[in-house]
């Protein structure tokens, strides 16, 4: 498959939006220090990340969750 975009270590082959709950699972390859995240009923979307990038994605996601929860805790009112 030919990437749609490739620059500075990021290769994008499609746009993915998950607005509903989807099945997810992961596999770790300890030899290459990377994890593969699978999304969708038939592994429709796959994300392969090395250890450092996985940590960055988790940190970013945690910040987003905190912001969304704070918004809901304020009753849906912007700061």
PDB file of N, CA and C in Angstrom:
ATOM      1  N   UNK A   1       0.836  -1.164   0.000  1.00  0.00           N
ATOM      2  CA  UNK A   1       0.000   0.000   0.000  1.00  0.00           C
ATOM      3  C   UNK A   1       0.889   1.238   0.000  1.00  0.00           C
ATOM      4  N   UNK A   2       0.598   2.182  -0.858  1.00  0.00           N
ATOM      5  CA  UNK A   2       1.388   3.401  -0.958  1.00  0.00           C
ATOM      6  C   UNK A   2       0.822   4.464  -0.012  1.00  0.00           C
ATOM      7  N   UNK A   3       1.672   5.053   0.810  1.00  0.00           N
ATOM      8  CA  UNK A   3       1.186   6.072   1.748  1.00  0.00           C
ATOM      9  C   UNK A   3       0.633   7.290   1.025  1.00  0.00           C
ATOM     10  N   UNK A   4      -0.386   7.909   1.607  1.00  0.00           N
ATOM     11  CA  UNK A   4      -0.923   9.149   1.085  1.00  0.00           C
ATOM     12  C   UNK A   4      -0.012  10.315   1.454  1.00  0.00           C
ATOM     13  N   UNK A   5       0.686  10.172   2.560  1.00  0.00           N
ATOM     14  CA  UNK A   5       1.533  11.253   3.076  1.00  0.00           C
ATOM     15  C   UNK A   5       2.700  10.622   3.818  1.00  0.00           C
ATOM     16  N   UNK A   6       3.882  11.139   3.609  1.00  0.00           N
ATOM     17  CA  UNK A   6       5.045  10.627   4.331  1.00  0.00           C
ATOM     18  C   UNK A   6       6.022  11.764   4.555  1.00  0.00           C
ATOM     19  N   UNK A   7       6.257  12.081   5.821  1.00  0.00           N
ATOM     20  CA  UNK A   7       7.203  13.132   6.160  1.00  0.00           C
ATOM     21  C   UNK A   7       7.634  12.978   7.610  1.00  0.00           C
ATOM     22  N   UNK A   8       8.861  13.201   7.889  1.00  0.00           N
ATOM     23  CA  UNK A   8       9.458  13.199   9.230  1.00  0.00           C
ATOM     24  C   UNK A   8       9.021  12.039  10.107  1.00  0.00           C
ATOM     25  N   UNK A   9       9.064  10.833   9.574  1.00  0.00           N
ATOM     26  CA  UNK A   9       8.787   9.647  10.373  1.00  0.00           C
ATOM     27  C   UNK A   9       7.332   9.278  10.508  1.00  0.00           C
ATOM     28  N   UNK A  10       6.427  10.026   9.878  1.00  0.00           N
ATOM     29  CA  UNK A  10       4.996   9.722   9.963  1.00  0.00           C
ATOM     30  C   UNK A  10       4.505   9.358   8.567  1.00  0.00           C
ATOM     31  N   UNK A  11       3.888   8.204   8.462  1.00  0.00           N
ATOM     32  CA  UNK A  11       3.312   7.774   7.199  1.00  0.00           C
ATOM     33  C   UNK A  11       1.814   7.587   7.402  1.00  0.00           C
ATOM     34  N   UNK A  12       1.007   8.342   6.677  1.00  0.00           N
ATOM     35  CA  UNK A  12      -0.443   8.286   6.830  1.00  0.00           C
ATOM     36  C   UNK A  12      -1.038   7.626   5.602  1.00  0.00           C
ATOM     37  N   UNK A  13      -1.825   6.597   5.829  1.00  0.00           N
ATOM     38  CA  UNK A  13      -2.437   5.894   4.715  1.00  0.00           C
ATOM     39  C   UNK A  13      -3.944   6.076   4.655  1.00  0.00           C
ATOM     40  N   UNK A  14      -4.552   6.608   5.724  1.00  0.00           N
ATOM     41  CA  UNK A  14      -5.992   6.844   5.711  1.00  0.00           C
ATOM     42  C   UNK A  14      -6.393   7.719   6.889  1.00  0.00           C
ATOM     43  N   UNK A  15      -7.610   8.202   6.860  1.00  0.00           N
ATOM     44  CA  UNK A  15      -8.190   8.988   7.948  1.00  0.00           C
ATOM     45  C   UNK A  15      -9.116   8.061   8.709  1.00  0.00           C
ATOM     46  N   UNK A  16      -9.010   8.056  10.019  1.00  0.00           N
ATOM     47  CA  UNK A  16      -9.834   7.162  10.831  1.00  0.00           C
ATOM     48  C   UNK A  16     -10.573   7.992  11.867  1.00  0.00           C
ATOM     49  N   UNK A  17     -11.864   7.742  11.990  1.00  0.00           N
ATOM     50  CA  UNK A  17     -12.688   8.412  12.980  1.00  0.00           C
ATOM     51  C   UNK A  17     -13.447   7.343  13.751  1.00  0.00           C
ATOM     52  N   UNK A  18     -13.344   7.364  15.063  1.00  0.00           N
ATOM     53  CA  UNK A  18     -14.044   6.387  15.897  1.00  0.00           C
ATOM     54  C   UNK A  18     -15.009   7.138  16.801  1.00  0.00           C
ATOM     55  N   UNK A  19     -16.262   7.250  16.362  1.00  0.00           N
ATOM     56  CA  UNK A  19     -17.258   7.985  17.135  1.00  0.00           C
ATOM     57  C   UNK A  19     -18.131   7.061  17.968  1.00  0.00           C
ATOM     58  N   UNK A  20     -18.034   5.790  17.730  1.00  0.00           N
ATOM     59  CA  UNK A  20     -18.778   4.791  18.515  1.00  0.00           C
ATOM     60  C   UNK A  20     -17.766   3.840  19.149  1.00  0.00           C
ATOM     61  N   UNK A  21     -18.220   3.070  20.110  1.00  0.00           N
ATOM     62  CA  UNK A  21     -17.337   2.084  20.745  1.00  0.00           C
ATOM     63  C   UNK A  21     -16.991   1.001  19.729  1.00  0.00           C
ATOM     64  N   UNK A  22     -15.691   0.720  19.610  1.00  0.00           N
ATOM     65  CA  UNK A  22     -15.223  -0.316  18.686  1.00  0.00           C
ATOM     66  C   UNK A  22     -14.340  -1.298  19.444  1.00  0.00           C
ATOM     67  N   UNK A  23     -14.288  -2.540  18.990  1.00  0.00           N
ATOM     68  CA  UNK A  23     -13.381  -3.505  19.619  1.00  0.00           C
ATOM     69  C   UNK A  23     -11.926  -3.077  19.402  1.00  0.00           C
ATOM     70  N   UNK A  24     -11.105  -3.301  20.423  1.00  0.00           N
ATOM     71  CA  UNK A  24      -9.684  -2.965  20.342  1.00  0.00           C
ATOM     72  C   UNK A  24      -8.868  -4.038  21.054  1.00  0.00           C
ATOM     73  N   UNK A  25      -7.668  -4.264  20.569  1.00  0.00           N
ATOM     74  CA  UNK A  25      -6.711  -5.102  21.284  1.00  0.00           C
ATOM     75  C   UNK A  25      -5.305  -4.725  20.828  1.00  0.00           C
ATOM     76  N   UNK A  26      -4.315  -5.279  21.490  1.00  0.00           N
ATOM     77  CA  UNK A  26      -2.939  -4.939  21.159  1.00  0.00           C
ATOM     78  C   UNK A  26      -2.057  -6.172  21.187  1.00  0.00           C
ATOM     79  N   UNK A  27      -0.903  -6.053  20.564  1.00  0.00           N
ATOM     80  CA  UNK A  27       0.155  -7.055  20.635  1.00  0.00           C
ATOM     81  C   UNK A  27       1.465  -6.309  20.851  1.00  0.00           C
ATOM     82  N   UNK A  28       2.344  -6.870  21.667  1.00  0.00           N
ATOM     83  CA  UNK A  28       3.656  -6.278  21.910  1.00  0.00           C
ATOM     84  C   UNK A  28       4.740  -7.131  21.276  1.00  0.00           C
ATOM     85  N   UNK A  29       5.662  -6.467  20.631  1.00  0.00           N
ATOM     86  CA  UNK A  29       6.853  -7.112  20.078  1.00  0.00           C
ATOM     87  C   UNK A  29       8.033  -6.605  20.902  1.00  0.00           C
ATOM     88  N   UNK A  30       8.416  -7.378  21.919  1.00  0.00           N
ATOM     89  CA  UNK A  30       9.462  -6.936  22.834  1.00  0.00           C
ATOM     90  C   UNK A  30      10.832  -6.864  22.159  1.00  0.00           C
ATOM     91  N   UNK A  31      11.044  -7.659  21.136  1.00  0.00           N
ATOM     92  CA  UNK A  31      12.332  -7.636  20.437  1.00  0.00           C
ATOM     93  C   UNK A  31      12.556  -6.321  19.709  1.00  0.00           C
ATOM     94  N   UNK A  32      11.483  -5.772  19.128  1.00  0.00           N
ATOM     95  CA  UNK A  32      11.625  -4.504  18.409  1.00  0.00           C
ATOM     96  C   UNK A  32      11.150  -3.314  19.243  1.00  0.00           C
ATOM     97  N   UNK A  33      10.743  -3.567  20.490  1.00  0.00           N
ATOM     98  CA  UNK A  33      10.309  -2.519  21.411  1.00  0.00           C
ATOM     99  C   UNK A  33       9.159  -1.692  20.829  1.00  0.00           C
ATOM    100  N   UNK A  34       8.160  -2.407  20.286  1.00  0.00           N
ATOM    101  CA  UNK A  34       7.018  -1.707  19.725  1.00  0.00           C
ATOM    102  C   UNK A  34       5.720  -2.449  20.032  1.00  0.00           C
ATOM    103  N   UNK A  35       4.636  -1.707  19.952  1.00  0.00           N
ATOM    104  CA  UNK A  35       3.309  -2.272  20.175  1.00  0.00           C
ATOM    105  C   UNK A  35       2.474  -2.039  18.925  1.00  0.00           C
ATOM    106  N   UNK A  36       1.586  -2.981  18.652  1.00  0.00           N
ATOM    107  CA  UNK A  36       0.643  -2.846  17.554  1.00  0.00           C
ATOM    108  C   UNK A  36      -0.747  -2.784  18.163  1.00  0.00           C
ATOM    109  N   UNK A  37      -1.467  -1.711  17.864  1.00  0.00           N
ATOM    110  CA  UNK A  37      -2.825  -1.521  18.357  1.00  0.00           C
ATOM    111  C   UNK A  37      -3.789  -1.806  17.215  1.00  0.00           C
ATOM    112  N   UNK A  38      -4.784  -2.635  17.483  1.00  0.00           N
ATOM    113  CA  UNK A  38      -5.769  -3.030  16.471  1.00  0.00           C
ATOM    114  C   UNK A  38      -7.123  -2.451  16.854  1.00  0.00           C
ATOM    115  N   UNK A  39      -7.827  -1.878  15.892  1.00  0.00           N
ATOM    116  CA  UNK A  39      -9.125  -1.267  16.120  1.00  0.00           C
ATOM    117  C   UNK A  39     -10.130  -1.810  15.107  1.00  0.00           C
ATOM    118  N   UNK A  40     -11.354  -2.083  15.561  1.00  0.00           N
ATOM    119  CA  UNK A  40     -12.416  -2.528  14.670  1.00  0.00           C
ATOM    120  C   UNK A  40     -12.651  -4.020  14.746  1.00  0.00           C
ATOM    121  N   UNK A  41     -13.832  -4.409  14.333  1.00  0.00           N
ATOM    122  CA  UNK A  41     -14.267  -5.807  14.383  1.00  0.00           C
ATOM    123  C   UNK A  41     -13.301  -6.742  13.646  1.00  0.00           C
ATOM    124  N   UNK A  42     -12.752  -6.244  12.548  1.00  0.00           N
ATOM    125  CA  UNK A  42     -11.869  -7.082  11.724  1.00  0.00           C
ATOM    126  C   UNK A  42     -10.484  -6.448  11.609  1.00  0.00           C
ATOM    127  N   UNK A  43     -10.045  -5.797  12.711  1.00  0.00           N
ATOM    128  CA  UNK A  43      -8.754  -5.103  12.705  1.00  0.00           C
ATOM    129  C   UNK A  43      -8.660  -4.139  11.531  1.00  0.00           C
ATOM    130  N   UNK A  44      -9.736  -3.362  11.343  1.00  0.00           N
ATOM    131  CA  UNK A  44      -9.831  -2.453  10.210  1.00  0.00           C
ATOM    132  C   UNK A  44      -8.744  -1.381  10.210  1.00  0.00           C
ATOM    133  N   UNK A  45      -8.270  -1.006  11.397  1.00  0.00           N
ATOM    134  CA  UNK A  45      -7.262   0.035  11.515  1.00  0.00           C
ATOM    135  C   UNK A  45      -6.176  -0.479  12.448  1.00  0.00           C
ATOM    136  N   UNK A  46      -4.943  -0.333  12.030  1.00  0.00           N
ATOM    137  CA  UNK A  46      -3.806  -0.836  12.814  1.00  0.00           C
ATOM    138  C   UNK A  46      -2.802   0.296  12.992  1.00  0.00           C
ATOM    139  N   UNK A  47      -2.343   0.462  14.227  1.00  0.00           N
ATOM    140  CA  UNK A  47      -1.363   1.495  14.540  1.00  0.00           C
ATOM    141  C   UNK A  47      -0.155   0.823  15.184  1.00  0.00           C
ATOM    142  N   UNK A  48       1.019   0.990  14.583  1.00  0.00           N
ATOM    143  CA  UNK A  48       2.257   0.414  15.105  1.00  0.00           C
ATOM    144  C   UNK A  48       3.102   1.558  15.652  1.00  0.00           C
ATOM    145  N   UNK A  49       3.471   1.448  16.937  1.00  0.00           N
ATOM    146  CA  UNK A  49       4.227   2.506  17.613  1.00  0.00           C
ATOM    147  C   UNK A  49       5.407   1.927  18.365  1.00  0.00           C
ATOM    148  N   UNK A  50       6.534   2.632  18.326  1.00  0.00           N
ATOM    149  CA  UNK A  50       7.634   2.203  19.181  1.00  0.00           C
ATOM    150  C   UNK A  50       7.323   2.652  20.610  1.00  0.00           C
ATOM    151  N   UNK A  51       8.127   2.219  21.559  1.00  0.00           N
ATOM    152  CA  UNK A  51       7.869   2.468  22.978  1.00  0.00           C
ATOM    153  C   UNK A  51       7.677   3.954  23.277  1.00  0.00           C
ATOM    154  N   UNK A  52       8.588   4.796  22.791  1.00  0.00           N
ATOM    155  CA  UNK A  52       8.512   6.229  23.073  1.00  0.00           C
ATOM    156  C   UNK A  52       7.268   6.877  22.477  1.00  0.00           C
ATOM    157  N   UNK A  53       6.959   6.531  21.240  1.00  0.00           N
ATOM    158  CA  UNK A  53       5.774   7.112  20.604  1.00  0.00           C
ATOM    159  C   UNK A  53       4.488   6.621  21.259  1.00  0.00           C
ATOM    160  N   UNK A  54       4.471   5.374  21.711  1.00  0.00           N
ATOM    161  CA  UNK A  54       3.310   4.860  22.434  1.00  0.00           C
ATOM    162  C   UNK A  54       3.099   5.665  23.713  1.00  0.00           C
ATOM    163  N   UNK A  55       4.175   5.937  24.429  1.00  0.00           N
ATOM    164  CA  UNK A  55       4.078   6.736  25.648  1.00  0.00           C
ATOM    165  C   UNK A  55       3.545   8.136  25.345  1.00  0.00           C
ATOM    166  N   UNK A  56       3.970   8.733  24.240  1.00  0.00           N
ATOM    167  CA  UNK A  56       3.484  10.057  23.853  1.00  0.00           C
ATOM    168  C   UNK A  56       1.991  10.024  23.519  1.00  0.00           C
ATOM    169  N   UNK A  57       1.561   9.006  22.801  1.00  0.00           N
ATOM    170  CA  UNK A  57       0.141   8.883  22.445  1.00  0.00           C
ATOM    171  C   UNK A  57      -0.704   8.708  23.707  1.00  0.00           C
ATOM    172  N   UNK A  58      -0.249   7.880  24.634  1.00  0.00           N
ATOM    173  CA  UNK A  58      -0.977   7.658  25.886  1.00  0.00           C
ATOM    174  C   UNK A  58      -1.047   8.957  26.693  1.00  0.00           C
ATOM    175  N   UNK A  59       0.051   9.685  26.770  1.00  0.00           N
ATOM    176  CA  UNK A  59       0.079  10.957  27.495  1.00  0.00           C
ATOM    177  C   UNK A  59      -0.877  11.967  26.864  1.00  0.00           C
ATOM    178  N   UNK A  60      -0.851  12.051  25.557  1.00  0.00           N
ATOM    179  CA  UNK A  60      -1.738  12.963  24.843  1.00  0.00           C
ATOM    180  C   UNK A  60      -3.201  12.588  25.067  1.00  0.00           C
ATOM    181  N   UNK A  61      -3.497  11.290  24.980  1.00  0.00           N
ATOM    182  CA  UNK A  61      -4.858  10.811  25.217  1.00  0.00           C
ATOM    183  C   UNK A  61      -5.325  11.080  26.635  1.00  0.00           C
ATOM    184  N   UNK A  62      -4.428  10.915  27.606  1.00  0.00           N
ATOM    185  CA  UNK A  62      -4.768  11.178  29.009  1.00  0.00           C
ATOM    186  C   UNK A  62      -5.112  12.650  29.207  1.00  0.00           C
ATOM    187  N   UNK A  63      -4.354  13.546  28.582  1.00  0.00           N
ATOM    188  CA  UNK A  63      -4.647  14.975  28.667  1.00  0.00           C
ATOM    189  C   UNK A  63      -6.005  15.289  28.046  1.00  0.00           C
ATOM    190  N   UNK A  64      -6.306  14.676  26.908  1.00  0.00           N
ATOM    191  CA  UNK A  64      -7.594  14.904  26.251  1.00  0.00           C
ATOM    192  C   UNK A  64      -8.752  14.403  27.118  1.00  0.00           C
ATOM    193  N   UNK A  65      -8.582  13.242  27.739  1.00  0.00           N
ATOM    194  CA  UNK A  65      -9.616  12.708  28.633  1.00  0.00           C
ATOM    195  C   UNK A  65      -9.855  13.660  29.793  1.00  0.00           C
ATOM    196  N   UNK A  66      -8.799  14.173  30.393  1.00  0.00           N
ATOM    197  CA  UNK A  66      -8.933  15.112  31.517  1.00  0.00           C
ATOM    198  C   UNK A  66      -9.685  16.367  31.088  1.00  0.00           C
ATOM    199  N   UNK A  67      -9.374  16.881  29.909  1.00  0.00           N
ATOM    200  CA  UNK A  67     -10.057  18.080  29.419  1.00  0.00           C
ATOM    201  C   UNK A  67     -11.542  17.806  29.169  1.00  0.00           C
ATOM    202  N   UNK A  68     -11.856  16.670  28.570  1.00  0.00           N
ATOM    203  CA  UNK A  68     -13.259  16.324  28.311  1.00  0.00           C
ATOM    204  C   UNK A  68     -14.015  16.115  29.619  1.00  0.00           C
ATOM    205  N   UNK A  69     -13.393  15.444  30.584  1.00  0.00           N
ATOM    206  CA  UNK A  69     -14.054  15.214  31.871  1.00  0.00           C
ATOM    207  C   UNK A  69     -14.274  16.523  32.623  1.00  0.00           C
ATOM    208  N   UNK A  70     -13.299  17.435  32.566  1.00  0.00           N
ATOM    209  CA  UNK A  70     -13.451  18.735  33.216  1.00  0.00           C
ATOM    210  C   UNK A  70     -14.598  19.514  32.580  1.00  0.00           C
ATOM    211  N   UNK A  71     -14.718  19.445  31.272  1.00  0.00           N
ATOM    212  CA  UNK A  71     -15.816  20.109  30.567  1.00  0.00           C
ATOM    213  C   UNK A  71     -17.158  19.567  31.039  1.00  0.00           C
ATOM    214  N   UNK A  72     -17.265  18.249  31.148  1.00  0.00           N
ATOM    215  CA  UNK A  72     -18.517  17.625  31.602  1.00  0.00           C
ATOM    216  C   UNK A  72     -18.786  17.951  33.069  1.00  0.00           C
ATOM    217  N   UNK A  73     -17.727  17.999  33.884  1.00  0.00           N
ATOM    218  CA  UNK A  73     -17.879  18.344  35.302  1.00  0.00           C
ATOM    219  C   UNK A  73     -18.388  19.775  35.483  1.00  0.00           C
ATOM    220  N   UNK A  74     -18.061  20.664  34.529  1.00  0.00           N
ATOM    221  CA  UNK A  74     -18.539  22.056  34.578  1.00  0.00           C
ATOM    222  C   UNK A  74     -19.950  22.170  34.003  1.00  0.00           C
ATOM    223  N   UNK A  75     -20.562  21.048  33.686  1.00  0.00           N
ATOM    224  CA  UNK A  75     -21.905  21.083  33.104  1.00  0.00           C
ATOM    225  C   UNK A  75     -21.925  21.456  31.644  1.00  0.00           C
ATOM    226  N   UNK A  76     -20.835  21.208  30.963  1.00  0.00           N
ATOM    227  CA  UNK A  76     -20.772  21.504  29.534  1.00  0.00           C
ATOM    228  C   UNK A  76     -20.520  22.960  29.234  1.00  0.00           C
ATOM    229  N   UNK A  77     -19.929  23.675  30.172  1.00  0.00           N
ATOM    230  CA  UNK A  77     -19.678  25.104  30.002  1.00  0.00           C
ATOM    231  C   UNK A  77     -18.184  25.310  29.742  1.00  0.00           C
ATOM    232  N   UNK A  78     -17.870  26.042  28.662  1.00  0.00           N
ATOM    233  CA  UNK A  78     -16.466  26.354  28.345  1.00  0.00           C
ATOM    234  C   UNK A  78     -15.899  27.267  29.408  1.00  0.00           C
ATOM    235  N   UNK A  79     -14.582  27.140  29.644  1.00  0.00           N
ATOM    236  CA  UNK A  79     -13.910  28.038  30.606  1.00  0.00           C
ATOM    237  C   UNK A  79     -13.777  29.421  30.039  1.00  0.00           C
TER     238      UNK A  79
END
